[in-house]
């Protein structure tokens, strides 16, 4: 399987990754996400997400 490395394909993948990142951060900032951050504050991934949201 070949990966399309054309400039258009790369730009499309970058846009999709950016959209997914924004959605994930929005979900993490929801009430459910805040509850998870409280319960799992010692988890490295939770800490990294909190830092990305500008917390701590």
Protein backbone atom coordinates (compact mmCIF):
# COMPACT_ATOMS: atom_id res chain seq x y z
CA UNK A 1 0.00 0.00 0.00
CA UNK A 2 1.44 3.35 -1.02
CA UNK A 3 0.91 6.52 0.95
CA UNK A 4 -0.08 9.53 -1.11
CA UNK A 5 2.59 12.15 -0.43
CA UNK A 6 1.27 14.80 -2.79
CA UNK A 7 1.03 18.31 -1.32
CA UNK A 8 -2.78 18.18 -1.49
CA UNK A 9 -2.94 14.86 0.37
CA UNK A 10 -0.54 16.06 3.06
CA UNK A 11 -2.49 19.29 3.53
CA UNK A 12 -5.73 17.31 3.84
CA UNK A 13 -4.21 15.01 6.48
CA UNK A 14 -2.90 18.00 8.44
CA UNK A 15 -6.34 19.64 8.38
CA UNK A 16 -7.96 16.41 9.61
CA UNK A 17 -5.44 16.03 12.43
CA UNK A 18 -6.04 19.62 13.49
CA UNK A 19 -9.81 19.07 13.51
CA UNK A 20 -9.46 15.90 15.57
CA UNK A 21 -7.15 17.66 18.02
CA UNK A 22 -9.70 20.45 18.48
CA UNK A 23 -12.55 17.99 19.02
CA UNK A 24 -10.53 16.01 21.57
CA UNK A 25 -9.62 19.16 23.49
CA UNK A 26 -13.25 20.30 23.42
CA UNK A 27 -14.35 16.97 24.85
CA UNK A 28 -11.65 17.14 27.51
CA UNK A 29 -12.94 20.58 28.47
CA UNK A 30 -16.50 19.28 28.93
CA UNK A 31 -17.97 18.48 32.36
CA UNK A 32 -17.19 14.78 31.84
CA UNK A 33 -13.61 15.64 30.91
CA UNK A 34 -13.20 17.82 34.00
CA UNK A 35 -14.50 14.96 36.16
CA UNK A 36 -11.96 12.58 34.61
CA UNK A 37 -9.21 15.11 35.31
CA UNK A 38 -10.24 15.26 38.96
CA UNK A 39 -10.38 11.48 39.37
CA UNK A 40 -7.18 10.69 37.43
CA UNK A 41 -4.99 13.70 38.14
CA UNK A 42 -1.86 11.54 38.49
CA UNK A 43 -2.27 9.95 35.04
CA UNK A 44 0.41 11.22 32.61
CA UNK A 45 -2.02 11.47 29.67
CA UNK A 46 -4.55 13.38 31.77
CA UNK A 47 -1.77 15.73 32.91
CA UNK A 48 -0.67 16.31 29.32
CA UNK A 49 -4.26 17.08 28.27
CA UNK A 50 -4.70 19.49 31.19
CA UNK A 51 -1.50 21.23 30.16
CA UNK A 52 -2.74 21.50 26.57
CA UNK A 53 -5.92 23.13 27.90
CA UNK A 54 -3.84 25.63 29.85
CA UNK A 55 -4.51 24.18 33.27
CA UNK A 56 -1.91 23.70 36.02
